[in-house]
């Protein structure tokens, strides 16, 4: 549960607009155990439109659950790892979106969809948070550019970008407030280990 604690800690700090941890003594959290709709052959590359159609099926379920959680008084809803895209993928980019660093820029995908291209999943999650007035934590694959280097010890893949297994958090108005690249991968050949672990 360490990752959940990190995300919730970031959420509490960012939500309060503080550099110190928020003083709230409690909040109501919901965790959804998802019966994933999988890609029947994840090792076969697909076009972006097919990947989106697959993820939209899982997002449809997320949307219903977000509304239910909000109706029951939850203030934050945590969705599972690999719940949108599945697992056992090879390295192909159709399921990836580039997730900006919320520590570097302020972005609400629901109200500013034109700010970043090819971010349909981020937009839908953001609107889900906004429409239900609930914080949303979800997992999705992230593509980040990296500097190519002639150094043979460089961790940058030869294609010039990293693929990260990423946790993200949206504020209840849809603002993207946290992004965490998973460091300890477990048989996840489609993802890269971040160059540095998250500093706590």
C-alpha atoms as a PDB file:
ATOM      1  CA  UNK A   1       0.000   0.000   0.000  1.00  0.00           C
ATOM      2  CA  UNK A   2       3.026   2.316  -0.158  1.00  0.00           C
ATOM      3  CA  UNK A   3       2.070   3.722  -3.569  1.00  0.00           C
ATOM      4  CA  UNK A   4      -1.443   4.503  -2.348  1.00  0.00           C
ATOM      5  CA  UNK A   5       0.023   6.283   0.688  1.00  0.00           C
ATOM      6  CA  UNK A   6       2.320   8.370  -1.514  1.00  0.00           C
ATOM      7  CA  UNK A   7      -0.529   9.401  -3.816  1.00  0.00           C
ATOM      8  CA  UNK A   8      -2.878  10.194  -0.926  1.00  0.00           C
ATOM      9  CA  UNK A   9      -0.098  12.165   0.789  1.00  0.00           C
ATOM     10  CA  UNK A  10       0.426  14.185  -2.389  1.00  0.00           C
ATOM     11  CA  UNK A  11      -3.338  14.614  -2.720  1.00  0.00           C
ATOM     12  CA  UNK A  12      -3.691  15.959   0.811  1.00  0.00           C
ATOM     13  CA  UNK A  13      -0.825  18.395   0.366  1.00  0.00           C
ATOM     14  CA  UNK A  14      -1.851  19.650  -3.076  1.00  0.00           C
ATOM     15  CA  UNK A  15      -5.554  19.740  -2.237  1.00  0.00           C
ATOM     16  CA  UNK A  16      -4.926  22.126   0.593  1.00  0.00           C
ATOM     17  CA  UNK A  17      -2.545  24.245  -1.509  1.00  0.00           C
ATOM     18  CA  UNK A  18       0.090  23.848   1.157  1.00  0.00           C
ATOM     19  CA  UNK A  19       3.729  22.965   1.268  1.00  0.00           C
ATOM     20  CA  UNK A  20       3.072  21.289   4.628  1.00  0.00           C
ATOM     21  CA  UNK A  21       0.776  18.243   5.004  1.00  0.00           C
ATOM     22  CA  UNK A  22      -2.920  19.081   5.254  1.00  0.00           C
ATOM     23  CA  UNK A  23      -4.432  19.200   8.737  1.00  0.00           C
ATOM     24  CA  UNK A  24      -7.602  17.262   7.866  1.00  0.00           C
ATOM     25  CA  UNK A  25      -7.935  14.407  10.353  1.00  0.00           C
ATOM     26  CA  UNK A  26      -9.985  12.138   8.076  1.00  0.00           C
ATOM     27  CA  UNK A  27     -11.593  11.701   4.682  1.00  0.00           C
ATOM     28  CA  UNK A  28     -13.808   9.076   3.067  1.00  0.00           C
ATOM     29  CA  UNK A  29     -11.960   6.937   0.509  1.00  0.00           C
ATOM     30  CA  UNK A  30     -13.317   4.321  -1.866  1.00  0.00           C
ATOM     31  CA  UNK A  31     -11.252   1.663  -3.642  1.00  0.00           C
ATOM     32  CA  UNK A  32     -12.758  -0.074  -6.666  1.00  0.00           C
ATOM     33  CA  UNK A  33     -11.868  -3.688  -7.512  1.00  0.00           C
ATOM     34  CA  UNK A  34     -12.396  -3.805 -11.272  1.00  0.00           C
ATOM     35  CA  UNK A  35     -13.344  -6.805 -13.418  1.00  0.00           C
ATOM     36  CA  UNK A  36     -11.107  -5.682 -16.278  1.00  0.00           C
ATOM     37  CA  UNK A  37     -12.228  -5.877 -19.891  1.00  0.00           C
ATOM     38  CA  UNK A  38      -8.987  -7.115 -21.441  1.00  0.00           C
ATOM     39  CA  UNK A  39      -7.445  -6.892 -24.860  1.00  0.00           C
ATOM     40  CA  UNK A  40      -7.691 -10.519 -26.098  1.00  0.00           C
ATOM     41  CA  UNK A  41      -4.252 -10.325 -27.729  1.00  0.00           C
ATOM     42  CA  UNK A  42      -2.207  -7.576 -26.057  1.00  0.00           C
ATOM     43  CA  UNK A  43       1.038  -8.570 -27.783  1.00  0.00           C
ATOM     44  CA  UNK A  44      -0.351  -7.651 -31.219  1.00  0.00           C
ATOM     45  CA  UNK A  45       0.074  -3.905 -31.901  1.00  0.00           C
ATOM     46  CA  UNK A  46      -3.154  -2.006 -32.622  1.00  0.00           C
ATOM     47  CA  UNK A  47      -3.905   1.457 -33.959  1.00  0.00           C
ATOM     48  CA  UNK A  48      -4.695   4.288 -31.529  1.00  0.00           C
ATOM     49  CA  UNK A  49      -8.421   4.188 -32.358  1.00  0.00           C
ATOM     50  CA  UNK A  50      -8.666   0.494 -31.439  1.00  0.00           C
ATOM     51  CA  UNK A  51      -6.752   1.103 -28.201  1.00  0.00           C
ATOM     52  CA  UNK A  52      -9.111   3.964 -27.326  1.00  0.00           C
ATOM     53  CA  UNK A  53     -12.184   1.829 -28.029  1.00  0.00           C
ATOM     54  CA  UNK A  54     -10.812  -0.818 -25.665  1.00  0.00           C
ATOM     55  CA  UNK A  55     -10.028   1.670 -22.888  1.00  0.00           C
ATOM     56  CA  UNK A  56     -13.403   3.415 -23.319  1.00  0.00           C
ATOM     57  CA  UNK A  57     -15.153   0.167 -22.312  1.00  0.00           C
ATOM     58  CA  UNK A  58     -13.296   0.214 -18.988  1.00  0.00           C
ATOM     59  CA  UNK A  59     -13.825   3.964 -18.631  1.00  0.00           C
ATOM     60  CA  UNK A  60     -17.580   3.413 -19.027  1.00  0.00           C
ATOM     61  CA  UNK A  61     -17.458   1.191 -15.932  1.00  0.00           C
ATOM     62  CA  UNK A  62     -15.250   3.678 -14.075  1.00  0.00           C
ATOM     63  CA  UNK A  63     -17.763   6.430 -14.785  1.00  0.00           C
ATOM     64  CA  UNK A  64     -20.627   4.478 -13.203  1.00  0.00           C
ATOM     65  CA  UNK A  65     -18.496   3.617 -10.165  1.00  0.00           C
ATOM     66  CA  UNK A  66     -17.334   7.223  -9.702  1.00  0.00           C
ATOM     67  CA  UNK A  67     -20.961   8.370  -9.578  1.00  0.00           C
ATOM     68  CA  UNK A  68     -21.828   5.631  -7.071  1.00  0.00           C
ATOM     69  CA  UNK A  69     -18.844   6.436  -4.866  1.00  0.00           C
ATOM     70  CA  UNK A  70     -19.738  10.140  -4.852  1.00  0.00           C
ATOM     71  CA  UNK A  71     -23.380   9.378  -4.042  1.00  0.00           C
ATOM     72  CA  UNK A  72     -22.180   7.340  -1.049  1.00  0.00           C
ATOM     73  CA  UNK A  73     -20.117  10.246   0.259  1.00  0.00           C
ATOM     74  CA  UNK A  74     -16.629   9.230  -0.889  1.00  0.00           C
ATOM     75  CA  UNK A  75     -14.214  12.132  -1.310  1.00  0.00           C
ATOM     76  CA  UNK A  76     -11.534  10.162  -3.150  1.00  0.00           C
ATOM     77  CA  UNK A  77     -11.847   7.079  -5.355  1.00  0.00           C
ATOM     78  CA  UNK A  78      -8.853   4.869  -6.191  1.00  0.00           C
ATOM     79  CA  UNK A  79      -8.993   2.696  -9.317  1.00  0.00           C
ATOM     80  CA  UNK A  80      -6.701  -0.357  -9.717  1.00  0.00           C
ATOM     81  CA  UNK A  81      -3.400  -0.786 -11.501  1.00  0.00           C
ATOM     82  CA  UNK A  82      -3.764  -1.779 -15.181  1.00  0.00           C
ATOM     83  CA  UNK A  83      -7.534  -1.241 -14.902  1.00  0.00           C
ATOM     84  CA  UNK A  84      -7.879   0.714 -18.135  1.00  0.00           C
ATOM     85  CA  UNK A  85      -5.483  -0.996 -20.507  1.00  0.00           C
ATOM     86  CA  UNK A  86      -4.669  -4.429 -19.067  1.00  0.00           C
ATOM     87  CA  UNK A  87      -1.265  -6.104 -19.005  1.00  0.00           C
ATOM     88  CA  UNK A  88       1.221  -8.314 -20.912  1.00  0.00           C
ATOM     89  CA  UNK A  89       1.744  -5.714 -23.617  1.00  0.00           C
ATOM     90  CA  UNK A  90       4.758  -5.421 -25.848  1.00  0.00           C
ATOM     91  CA  UNK A  91       6.304  -2.020 -26.446  1.00  0.00           C
ATOM     92  CA  UNK A  92       3.862  -0.304 -28.777  1.00  0.00           C
ATOM     93  CA  UNK A  93       2.538   3.231 -28.247  1.00  0.00           C
ATOM     94  CA  UNK A  94      -1.194   3.037 -29.005  1.00  0.00           C
ATOM     95  CA  UNK A  95      -2.279   2.910 -25.343  1.00  0.00           C
ATOM     96  CA  UNK A  96       0.098   5.664 -24.213  1.00  0.00           C
ATOM     97  CA  UNK A  97      -0.632   9.307 -23.496  1.00  0.00           C
ATOM     98  CA  UNK A  98       1.916  11.932 -22.460  1.00  0.00           C
ATOM     99  CA  UNK A  99       1.038  13.008 -18.920  1.00  0.00           C
ATOM    100  CA  UNK A 100       2.408  16.464 -18.018  1.00  0.00           C
ATOM    101  CA  UNK A 101       4.128  16.979 -14.679  1.00  0.00           C
ATOM    102  CA  UNK A 102       1.586  18.778 -12.450  1.00  0.00           C
ATOM    103  CA  UNK A 103       4.491  20.198 -10.434  1.00  0.00           C
ATOM    104  CA  UNK A 104       5.613  22.023 -13.609  1.00  0.00           C
ATOM    105  CA  UNK A 105       2.287  23.088 -15.124  1.00  0.00           C
ATOM    106  CA  UNK A 106      -1.317  23.512 -14.065  1.00  0.00           C
ATOM    107  CA  UNK A 107      -3.725  21.647 -16.342  1.00  0.00           C
ATOM    108  CA  UNK A 108      -7.354  20.645 -16.139  1.00  0.00           C
ATOM    109  CA  UNK A 109      -7.916  18.200 -19.024  1.00  0.00           C
ATOM    110  CA  UNK A 110     -11.709  18.498 -18.693  1.00  0.00           C
ATOM    111  CA  UNK A 111     -11.844  22.271 -19.124  1.00  0.00           C
ATOM    112  CA  UNK A 112      -8.701  22.633 -21.288  1.00  0.00           C
ATOM    113  CA  UNK A 113      -8.794  19.633 -23.659  1.00  0.00           C
ATOM    114  CA  UNK A 114      -7.059  21.549 -26.448  1.00  0.00           C
ATOM    115  CA  UNK A 115      -3.913  22.183 -24.367  1.00  0.00           C
ATOM    116  CA  UNK A 116      -2.423  18.724 -25.076  1.00  0.00           C
ATOM    117  CA  UNK A 117      -3.051  16.446 -28.072  1.00  0.00           C
ATOM    118  CA  UNK A 118      -3.991  12.754 -27.860  1.00  0.00           C
ATOM    119  CA  UNK A 119      -5.138  12.889 -24.231  1.00  0.00           C
ATOM    120  CA  UNK A 120      -8.632  11.426 -24.529  1.00  0.00           C
ATOM    121  CA  UNK A 121      -8.239   9.159 -21.481  1.00  0.00           C
ATOM    122  CA  UNK A 122      -6.859  11.953 -19.300  1.00  0.00           C
ATOM    123  CA  UNK A 123      -9.750  14.174 -20.380  1.00  0.00           C
ATOM    124  CA  UNK A 124     -12.360  11.578 -19.500  1.00  0.00           C
ATOM    125  CA  UNK A 125     -10.850  10.856 -16.066  1.00  0.00           C
ATOM    126  CA  UNK A 126     -10.615  14.579 -15.351  1.00  0.00           C
ATOM    127  CA  UNK A 127     -14.273  15.128 -16.296  1.00  0.00           C
ATOM    128  CA  UNK A 128     -15.242  12.111 -14.193  1.00  0.00           C
ATOM    129  CA  UNK A 129     -13.671  13.815 -11.168  1.00  0.00           C
ATOM    130  CA  UNK A 130     -15.221  17.182 -12.016  1.00  0.00           C
ATOM    131  CA  UNK A 131     -18.752  15.950 -12.736  1.00  0.00           C
ATOM    132  CA  UNK A 132     -18.856  13.885  -9.549  1.00  0.00           C
ATOM    133  CA  UNK A 133     -16.963  16.371  -7.341  1.00  0.00           C
ATOM    134  CA  UNK A 134     -14.587  13.620  -6.206  1.00  0.00           C
ATOM    135  CA  UNK A 135     -10.843  13.100  -6.258  1.00  0.00           C
ATOM    136  CA  UNK A 136      -9.872  10.332  -8.689  1.00  0.00           C
ATOM    137  CA  UNK A 137      -6.694   8.229  -8.578  1.00  0.00           C
ATOM    138  CA  UNK A 138      -6.129   6.024 -11.625  1.00  0.00           C
ATOM    139  CA  UNK A 139      -3.377   4.097 -13.386  1.00  0.00           C
ATOM    140  CA  UNK A 140      -2.436   4.414 -17.044  1.00  0.00           C
ATOM    141  CA  UNK A 141       0.590   4.127 -19.324  1.00  0.00           C
ATOM    142  CA  UNK A 142       2.595   7.329 -19.839  1.00  0.00           C
ATOM    143  CA  UNK A 143       5.003   8.267 -22.637  1.00  0.00           C
ATOM    144  CA  UNK A 144       7.765  10.734 -21.732  1.00  0.00           C
ATOM    145  CA  UNK A 145      10.522  12.029 -24.034  1.00  0.00           C
ATOM    146  CA  UNK A 146      14.066  11.446 -22.860  1.00  0.00           C
ATOM    147  CA  UNK A 147      17.364  12.842 -24.108  1.00  0.00           C
ATOM    148  CA  UNK A 148      19.201  10.389 -26.306  1.00  0.00           C
ATOM    149  CA  UNK A 149      22.782   9.902 -25.240  1.00  0.00           C
ATOM    150  CA  UNK A 150      25.822   8.198 -26.674  1.00  0.00           C
ATOM    151  CA  UNK A 151      26.608   7.060 -23.148  1.00  0.00           C
ATOM    152  CA  UNK A 152      26.159   3.244 -23.147  1.00  0.00           C
ATOM    153  CA  UNK A 153      24.930   3.408 -19.538  1.00  0.00           C
ATOM    154  CA  UNK A 154      22.075   5.784 -20.436  1.00  0.00           C
ATOM    155  CA  UNK A 155      18.654   4.424 -19.496  1.00  0.00           C
ATOM    156  CA  UNK A 156      16.964   6.192 -22.418  1.00  0.00           C
ATOM    157  CA  UNK A 157      15.493   3.643 -24.881  1.00  0.00           C
ATOM    158  CA  UNK A 158      16.743   3.829 -28.459  1.00  0.00           C
ATOM    159  CA  UNK A 159      13.370   5.196 -29.650  1.00  0.00           C
ATOM    160  CA  UNK A 160      13.929   8.358 -27.578  1.00  0.00           C
ATOM    161  CA  UNK A 161      11.083   8.022 -25.096  1.00  0.00           C
ATOM    162  CA  UNK A 162      10.299   6.195 -21.887  1.00  0.00           C
ATOM    163  CA  UNK A 163       7.119   4.222 -21.227  1.00  0.00           C
ATOM    164  CA  UNK A 164       6.079   4.403 -17.587  1.00  0.00           C
ATOM    165  CA  UNK A 165       3.446   2.608 -15.527  1.00  0.00           C
ATOM    166  CA  UNK A 166       1.890   5.700 -13.986  1.00  0.00           C
ATOM    167  CA  UNK A 167      -0.455   6.614 -11.141  1.00  0.00           C
ATOM    168  CA  UNK A 168      -2.265   9.926 -11.527  1.00  0.00           C
ATOM    169  CA  UNK A 169      -4.573  11.935  -9.283  1.00  0.00           C
ATOM    170  CA  UNK A 170      -7.227  14.490 -10.194  1.00  0.00           C
ATOM    171  CA  UNK A 171      -8.699  17.052  -7.839  1.00  0.00           C
ATOM    172  CA  UNK A 172     -12.482  17.187  -7.472  1.00  0.00           C
ATOM    173  CA  UNK A 173     -12.646  19.999 -10.050  1.00  0.00           C
ATOM    174  CA  UNK A 174     -10.706  17.877 -12.575  1.00  0.00           C
ATOM    175  CA  UNK A 175      -7.273  19.473 -12.106  1.00  0.00           C
ATOM    176  CA  UNK A 176      -4.372  17.024 -12.536  1.00  0.00           C
ATOM    177  CA  UNK A 177      -2.567  17.224  -9.184  1.00  0.00           C
ATOM    178  CA  UNK A 178      -0.200  14.230  -8.988  1.00  0.00           C
ATOM    179  CA  UNK A 179       1.776  11.891 -11.230  1.00  0.00           C
ATOM    180  CA  UNK A 180       3.857   8.946 -10.028  1.00  0.00           C
ATOM    181  CA  UNK A 181       5.985   6.708 -12.274  1.00  0.00           C
ATOM    182  CA  UNK A 182       6.162   3.196 -10.805  1.00  0.00           C
ATOM    183  CA  UNK A 183       9.748   2.330  -9.904  1.00  0.00           C
ATOM    184  CA  UNK A 184       9.592  -1.292  -8.762  1.00  0.00           C
ATOM    185  CA  UNK A 185       8.295  -3.081 -11.837  1.00  0.00           C
ATOM    186  CA  UNK A 186       7.255  -6.730 -11.661  1.00  0.00           C
ATOM    187  CA  UNK A 187       7.610  -8.580 -14.983  1.00  0.00           C
ATOM    188  CA  UNK A 188       6.409  -5.461 -16.854  1.00  0.00           C
ATOM    189  CA  UNK A 189       8.398  -5.646 -20.070  1.00  0.00           C
ATOM    190  CA  UNK A 190       6.407  -2.891 -21.758  1.00  0.00           C
ATOM    191  CA  UNK A 191       7.435  -0.325 -19.119  1.00  0.00           C
ATOM    192  CA  UNK A 192      10.700   1.385 -18.222  1.00  0.00           C
ATOM    193  CA  UNK A 193      12.091   1.960 -14.746  1.00  0.00           C
ATOM    194  CA  UNK A 194      12.235   5.712 -14.084  1.00  0.00           C
ATOM    195  CA  UNK A 195      15.776   7.117 -13.981  1.00  0.00           C
ATOM    196  CA  UNK A 196      15.259   8.042 -10.322  1.00  0.00           C
ATOM    197  CA  UNK A 197      12.761   6.885  -7.685  1.00  0.00           C
ATOM    198  CA  UNK A 198      10.270   9.377  -6.284  1.00  0.00           C
ATOM    199  CA  UNK A 199      11.829  11.442  -3.509  1.00  0.00           C
ATOM    200  CA  UNK A 200       9.747  11.409  -0.323  1.00  0.00           C
END
